Amino acid sequence: MYKSITTYNKGECELLGPISLFIQICMGASAIGILIWKRNYHEHPKRRWRVWFFDINKQILGAITIHTLNIALSVFRNSLGAVTSTNTQEDDQCDWYFLNLLLDTTIGIPILWVFLYIVEGTCRLLRIRNIESGNYFDMTTKKGPLYSAFFKQLGIFISSLMMMKGVIYIILNSFESFADWFADLVLNWADAWPNFQVFLVMFVWPVILNCFQYYCIDNIIKVPSSMDYSDNFVLEADEERECANNRNFYSCEEHQCIV
């Protein structure tokens, strides 16, 4: 079905061409833009920028890990010739990548939440400190944001992502025929335009699905806005100042600012 942007005449689907990599950068920038908008206009209280930066970096590094795994699994599966009777070997690589992306950004979100809960709970039993997701301040000394807390939580997050990826892989292999049929249904209409097909698989669908995923996961990994974690949030006076700077776009009443 797919032909590479860079090797169209060979009839192969390549997910690592220069145009595809450029599209991935644009996709990441779009997702981060959504989270900046969310933080500025839909959070009350707002996270401190450094806390927000730590949260976003967990997602970015996690996304790089999952994207690499998706491409590796797609290429590995294609190299083994693991295809159904309705697909050619050239079809399978991009189909598999698309299906991984679709499941990662939909049912993968609640699966990830479960694994985060399990891994974080296990770390608590081992008496590991500063692992509360989104809290980068020491609960005793109130020092922070701490890089040590960030790296501990990053390890928990990426470990949970990889376990989620394993579940998704099992699901796809268990329902392979249905998954291939669904990929053909969604993507086969663009067979006549191979470059456009890669654009759909590597940009249009990822932007829509990843923005949704980033938004949802951000709500999962951010720290609750309780007094116990108040150090992670902008002070009320600073929030008033931010709100006043944005009056041309939103009213302070909508942001629950005190004026």
Protein backbone atom coordinates (compact mmCIF):
# COMPACT_ATOMS: atom_id res chain seq x y z
CA MET A 1 0.00 0.00 0.00
CA TYR A 2 2.53 2.61 1.13
CA LYS A 3 5.53 3.78 -0.79
CA SER A 4 8.25 5.77 0.88
CA ILE A 5 8.66 9.49 0.34
CA THR A 6 12.32 8.82 -0.32
CA THR A 7 12.13 5.41 -2.09
CA TYR A 8 8.85 5.52 -3.99
CA ASN A 9 10.13 3.43 -6.89
CA LYS A 10 11.09 0.57 -4.60
CA GLY A 11 7.54 0.24 -3.32
CA GLU A 12 8.59 0.20 0.30
CA CYS A 13 7.26 2.06 3.29
CA GLU A 14 10.00 3.83 5.23
CA LEU A 15 9.11 5.60 8.46
CA LEU A 16 12.55 7.15 8.98
CA GLY A 17 12.92 9.38 5.90
CA PRO A 18 13.97 13.04 6.37
CA ILE A 19 10.50 14.39 5.57
CA SER A 20 8.92 11.99 8.03
CA LEU A 21 11.35 13.06 10.75
CA PHE A 22 10.58 16.72 10.04
CA ILE A 23 6.87 15.98 10.33
CA GLN A 24 7.50 14.33 13.71
CA ILE A 25 9.14 17.53 14.97
CA CYS A 26 6.13 19.56 13.81
CA MET A 27 3.84 17.06 15.53
CA GLY A 28 5.69 17.44 18.83
CA ALA A 29 5.59 21.23 18.59
CA SER A 30 1.80 21.12 18.07
CA ALA A 31 1.30 18.93 21.14
CA ILE A 32 3.47 21.19 23.30
CA GLY A 33 1.54 24.20 22.03
CA ILE A 34 -1.69 22.59 23.22
CA LEU A 35 -0.20 22.08 26.69
CA ILE A 36 1.05 25.69 26.89
CA TRP A 37 -2.48 26.84 26.02
CA LYS A 38 -3.91 24.47 28.63
CA ARG A 39 -1.55 25.71 31.32
CA ASN A 40 -2.12 29.40 30.60
CA TYR A 41 -5.89 29.43 30.17
CA HIS A 42 -7.37 26.28 31.72
CA GLU A 43 -5.48 25.71 34.96
CA HIS A 44 -6.37 27.14 38.34
CA PRO A 45 -4.15 27.26 40.22
CA LYS A 46 -1.41 27.24 37.59
CA ARG A 47 1.68 25.12 37.97
CA ARG A 48 4.95 26.95 38.28
CA TRP A 49 6.71 27.09 34.91
CA ARG A 50 9.56 24.92 36.15
CA VAL A 51 7.11 22.33 37.51
CA TRP A 52 5.19 22.45 34.23
CA PHE A 53 8.49 22.05 32.36
CA PHE A 54 9.31 18.91 34.37
CA ASP A 55 5.86 17.46 33.66
CA ILE A 56 6.14 18.18 29.94
CA ASN A 57 9.62 16.72 29.73
CA LYS A 58 8.32 13.46 31.18
CA GLN A 59 5.80 13.32 28.34
CA ILE A 60 8.33 14.34 25.68
CA LEU A 61 10.89 11.72 26.74
CA GLY A 62 8.13 9.16 27.10
CA ALA A 63 6.80 10.00 23.63
CA ILE A 64 10.28 9.59 22.13
CA THR A 65 10.53 6.18 23.80
CA ILE A 66 7.13 5.04 22.53
CA HIS A 67 7.69 6.46 19.04
CA THR A 68 10.99 4.58 18.82
CA LEU A 69 9.33 1.38 20.03
CA ASN A 70 6.48 1.77 17.53
CA ILE A 71 8.87 2.19 14.61
CA ALA A 72 11.12 -0.62 15.84
CA LEU A 73 8.17 -3.01 16.23
CA SER A 74 6.81 -2.02 12.80
CA VAL A 75 10.17 -2.56 11.06
CA PHE A 76 10.91 -5.76 13.01
CA ARG A 77 7.51 -7.23 12.25
CA ASN A 78 7.83 -6.30 8.59
CA SER A 79 11.30 -7.86 8.38
CA LEU A 80 9.84 -11.18 9.58
CA GLY A 81 7.19 -11.04 6.89
CA ALA A 82 4.39 -11.23 9.49
CA VAL A 83 1.49 -10.27 7.20
CA THR A 84 -2.00 -11.48 6.57
CA SER A 85 -3.41 -12.74 3.29
CA THR A 86 -4.95 -9.35 2.51
CA ASN A 87 -1.77 -7.31 2.99
CA THR A 88 1.56 -7.24 1.18
CA GLN A 89 4.81 -6.93 3.08
CA GLU A 90 5.05 -3.31 1.94
CA ASP A 91 1.63 -2.57 3.44
CA ASP A 92 2.32 -4.00 6.85
CA GLN A 93 4.94 -1.61 8.21
CA CYS A 94 2.88 1.58 8.03
CA ASP A 95 -0.37 -0.22 8.91
CA TRP A 96 1.27 -1.57 12.06
CA TYR A 97 2.67 1.84 12.99
CA PHE A 98 -0.75 3.47 12.51
CA LEU A 99 -2.51 0.82 14.61
CA ASN A 100 0.07 1.14 17.39
CA LEU A 101 -0.41 4.90 17.38
CA LEU A 102 -4.20 4.58 17.46
CA LEU A 103 -4.24 2.18 20.41
CA ASP A 104 -1.48 4.02 22.32
CA THR A 105 -3.49 7.25 22.23
CA THR A 106 -6.89 5.75 23.08
CA ILE A 107 -7.12 2.60 25.21
CA GLY A 108 -3.45 3.02 26.07
CA ILE A 109 -4.29 6.00 28.31
CA PRO A 110 -6.32 4.10 30.95
CA ILE A 111 -3.87 1.17 30.73
CA LEU A 112 -1.03 3.62 31.44
CA TRP A 113 -2.94 5.08 34.40
CA VAL A 114 -3.29 1.60 35.93
CA PHE A 115 0.43 0.84 35.54
CA LEU A 116 1.40 4.23 36.97
CA TYR A 117 -0.74 3.49 40.01
CA ILE A 118 0.85 0.03 40.44
CA VAL A 119 4.46 1.15 39.92
CA GLU A 120 4.12 4.22 42.14
CA GLY A 121 2.47 2.10 44.85
CA THR A 122 5.31 -0.42 44.66
CA CYS A 123 7.86 2.38 45.06
CA ARG A 124 6.01 3.61 48.15
CA LEU A 125 6.24 0.14 49.67
CA LEU A 126 9.99 0.30 49.06
CA ARG A 127 10.02 3.65 50.91
CA ILE A 128 11.33 5.60 47.92
CA ARG A 129 10.81 9.32 48.51
CA ASN A 130 9.66 12.13 46.19
CA ILE A 131 7.80 9.86 43.77
CA GLU A 132 4.36 11.53 43.96
CA SER A 133 3.66 12.31 40.31
CA GLY A 134 3.99 16.02 39.58
CA ASN A 135 5.35 16.93 43.03
CA TYR A 136 8.99 18.00 42.78
CA PHE A 137 9.32 19.50 46.25
CA ASP A 138 10.52 17.56 49.28
CA MET A 139 7.53 17.12 51.60
CA THR A 140 9.71 17.58 54.70
CA THR A 141 12.21 20.28 53.82
CA LYS A 142 10.02 21.97 51.15
CA LYS A 143 13.13 22.30 48.97
CA GLY A 144 12.68 22.18 45.22
CA PRO A 145 11.91 21.71 42.47
CA LEU A 146 14.28 18.76 42.77
CA TYR A 147 15.94 17.13 39.77
CA SER A 148 16.18 13.92 41.78
CA ALA A 149 12.38 13.85 42.10
CA PHE A 150 12.05 14.47 38.37
CA PHE A 151 14.33 11.56 37.42
CA LYS A 152 12.61 9.17 39.84
CA GLN A 153 9.22 10.07 38.41
CA LEU A 154 10.58 9.88 34.87
CA GLY A 155 11.73 6.32 35.55
CA ILE A 156 8.28 5.41 36.88
CA PHE A 157 6.58 7.04 33.90
CA ILE A 158 8.73 5.41 31.20
CA SER A 159 8.53 2.02 32.94
CA SER A 160 4.73 2.30 32.97
CA LEU A 161 4.73 3.37 29.30
CA MET A 162 6.78 0.34 28.30
CA MET A 163 4.43 -2.00 30.18
CA MET A 164 1.48 -0.32 28.47
CA LYS A 165 3.27 -0.82 25.14
CA GLY A 166 3.62 -4.53 25.91
CA VAL A 167 -0.13 -4.82 26.52
CA ILE A 168 -0.89 -2.98 23.26
CA TYR A 169 1.46 -5.30 21.37
CA ILE A 170 -0.33 -8.35 22.78
CA ILE A 171 -3.73 -6.90 21.86
CA LEU A 172 -2.65 -6.20 18.28
CA ASN A 173 -1.22 -9.67 17.84
CA SER A 174 -4.31 -11.28 19.35
CA PHE A 175 -6.68 -9.45 16.99
CA GLU A 176 -4.39 -9.15 13.99
CA SER A 177 -6.95 -9.87 11.28
CA PHE A 178 -9.39 -7.29 12.59
CA ALA A 179 -6.58 -4.76 13.08
CA ASP A 180 -5.37 -5.20 9.49
CA TRP A 181 -8.91 -4.87 8.18
CA PHE A 182 -9.42 -1.65 10.14
CA ALA A 183 -6.12 -0.16 8.92
CA ASP A 184 -7.08 -0.94 5.31
CA LEU A 185 -10.50 0.60 5.83
CA VAL A 186 -9.02 3.85 7.14
CA LEU A 187 -6.00 4.17 4.84
CA ASN A 188 -6.53 2.25 1.58
CA TRP A 189 -8.49 5.04 -0.11
CA ALA A 190 -5.25 7.04 -0.44
CA ASP A 191 -3.28 4.31 -2.25
CA ALA A 192 -2.99 6.47 -5.37
CA TRP A 193 -1.12 9.16 -3.43
CA PRO A 194 1.72 7.43 -1.51
CA ASN A 195 3.31 10.65 -0.26
CA PHE A 196 -0.07 11.82 1.02
CA GLN A 197 -0.53 8.46 2.75
CA VAL A 198 2.71 8.87 4.66
CA PHE A 199 1.63 12.44 5.49
CA LEU A 200 -1.62 11.06 6.95
CA VAL A 201 0.11 8.33 8.95
CA MET A 202 3.03 10.44 10.18
CA PHE A 203 1.37 13.83 10.65
CA VAL A 204 -2.42 14.23 10.43
CA TRP A 205 -3.43 11.28 12.60
CA PRO A 206 -0.50 11.68 15.02
CA VAL A 207 -1.21 15.39 15.56
CA ILE A 208 -4.88 14.78 16.33
CA LEU A 209 -4.31 11.69 18.47
CA ASN A 210 -1.16 12.91 20.22
CA CYS A 211 -2.71 16.25 21.18
CA PHE A 212 -5.58 14.32 22.74
CA GLN A 213 -3.16 11.95 24.47
CA TYR A 214 -0.87 14.72 25.77
CA TYR A 215 -3.86 16.62 27.17
CA CYS A 216 -5.25 13.55 28.97
CA ILE A 217 -1.90 12.32 30.32
CA ASP A 218 -1.03 15.81 31.54
CA ASN A 219 -4.10 15.63 33.77
CA ILE A 220 -2.97 12.23 35.06
CA ILE A 221 0.64 13.12 35.91
CA LYS A 222 0.14 16.66 37.26
CA VAL A 223 0.08 17.04 41.02
CA PRO A 224 -3.32 17.57 42.71
CA SER A 225 -4.02 21.20 43.61
CA SER A 226 -4.16 20.59 47.37
CA MET A 227 -2.44 22.44 50.20
CA ASP A 228 -0.01 19.54 50.62
CA TYR A 229 1.49 20.32 47.22
CA SER A 230 1.03 24.10 47.16
CA ASP A 231 4.75 24.72 46.52
CA ASN A 232 4.28 23.43 42.97
CA PHE A 233 1.77 26.13 42.07
CA VAL A 234 1.95 29.83 41.27
CA LEU A 235 1.13 32.11 44.19
CA GLU A 236 -2.25 33.82 44.02
CA ALA A 237 -0.69 37.27 43.56
CA ASP A 238 1.41 36.00 40.64
CA GLU A 239 -1.65 34.36 39.11
CA GLU A 240 -3.51 37.67 39.30
CA ARG A 241 -0.64 39.28 37.40
CA GLU A 242 -0.72 36.58 34.72
CA CYS A 243 -4.46 36.92 34.39
CA ALA A 244 -4.22 40.69 34.03
CA ASN A 245 -1.70 40.28 31.21
CA ASN A 246 -4.19 38.11 29.31
CA ARG A 247 -7.32 40.26 29.69
CA ASN A 248 -7.36 40.95 25.96
CA PHE A 249 -8.06 37.26 25.38
CA TYR A 250 -9.93 36.00 28.44
CA SER A 251 -11.72 37.67 31.29
CA CYS A 252 -10.30 37.31 34.78
CA GLU A 253 -13.68 36.05 35.95
CA GLU A 254 -13.34 33.05 33.65
CA HIS A 255 -9.97 32.28 35.23
CA GLN A 256 -11.33 32.77 38.75
CA CYS A 257 -8.76 35.48 39.42
CA ILE A 258 -9.16 37.85 42.34
CA VAL A 259 -9.12 41.51 41.35
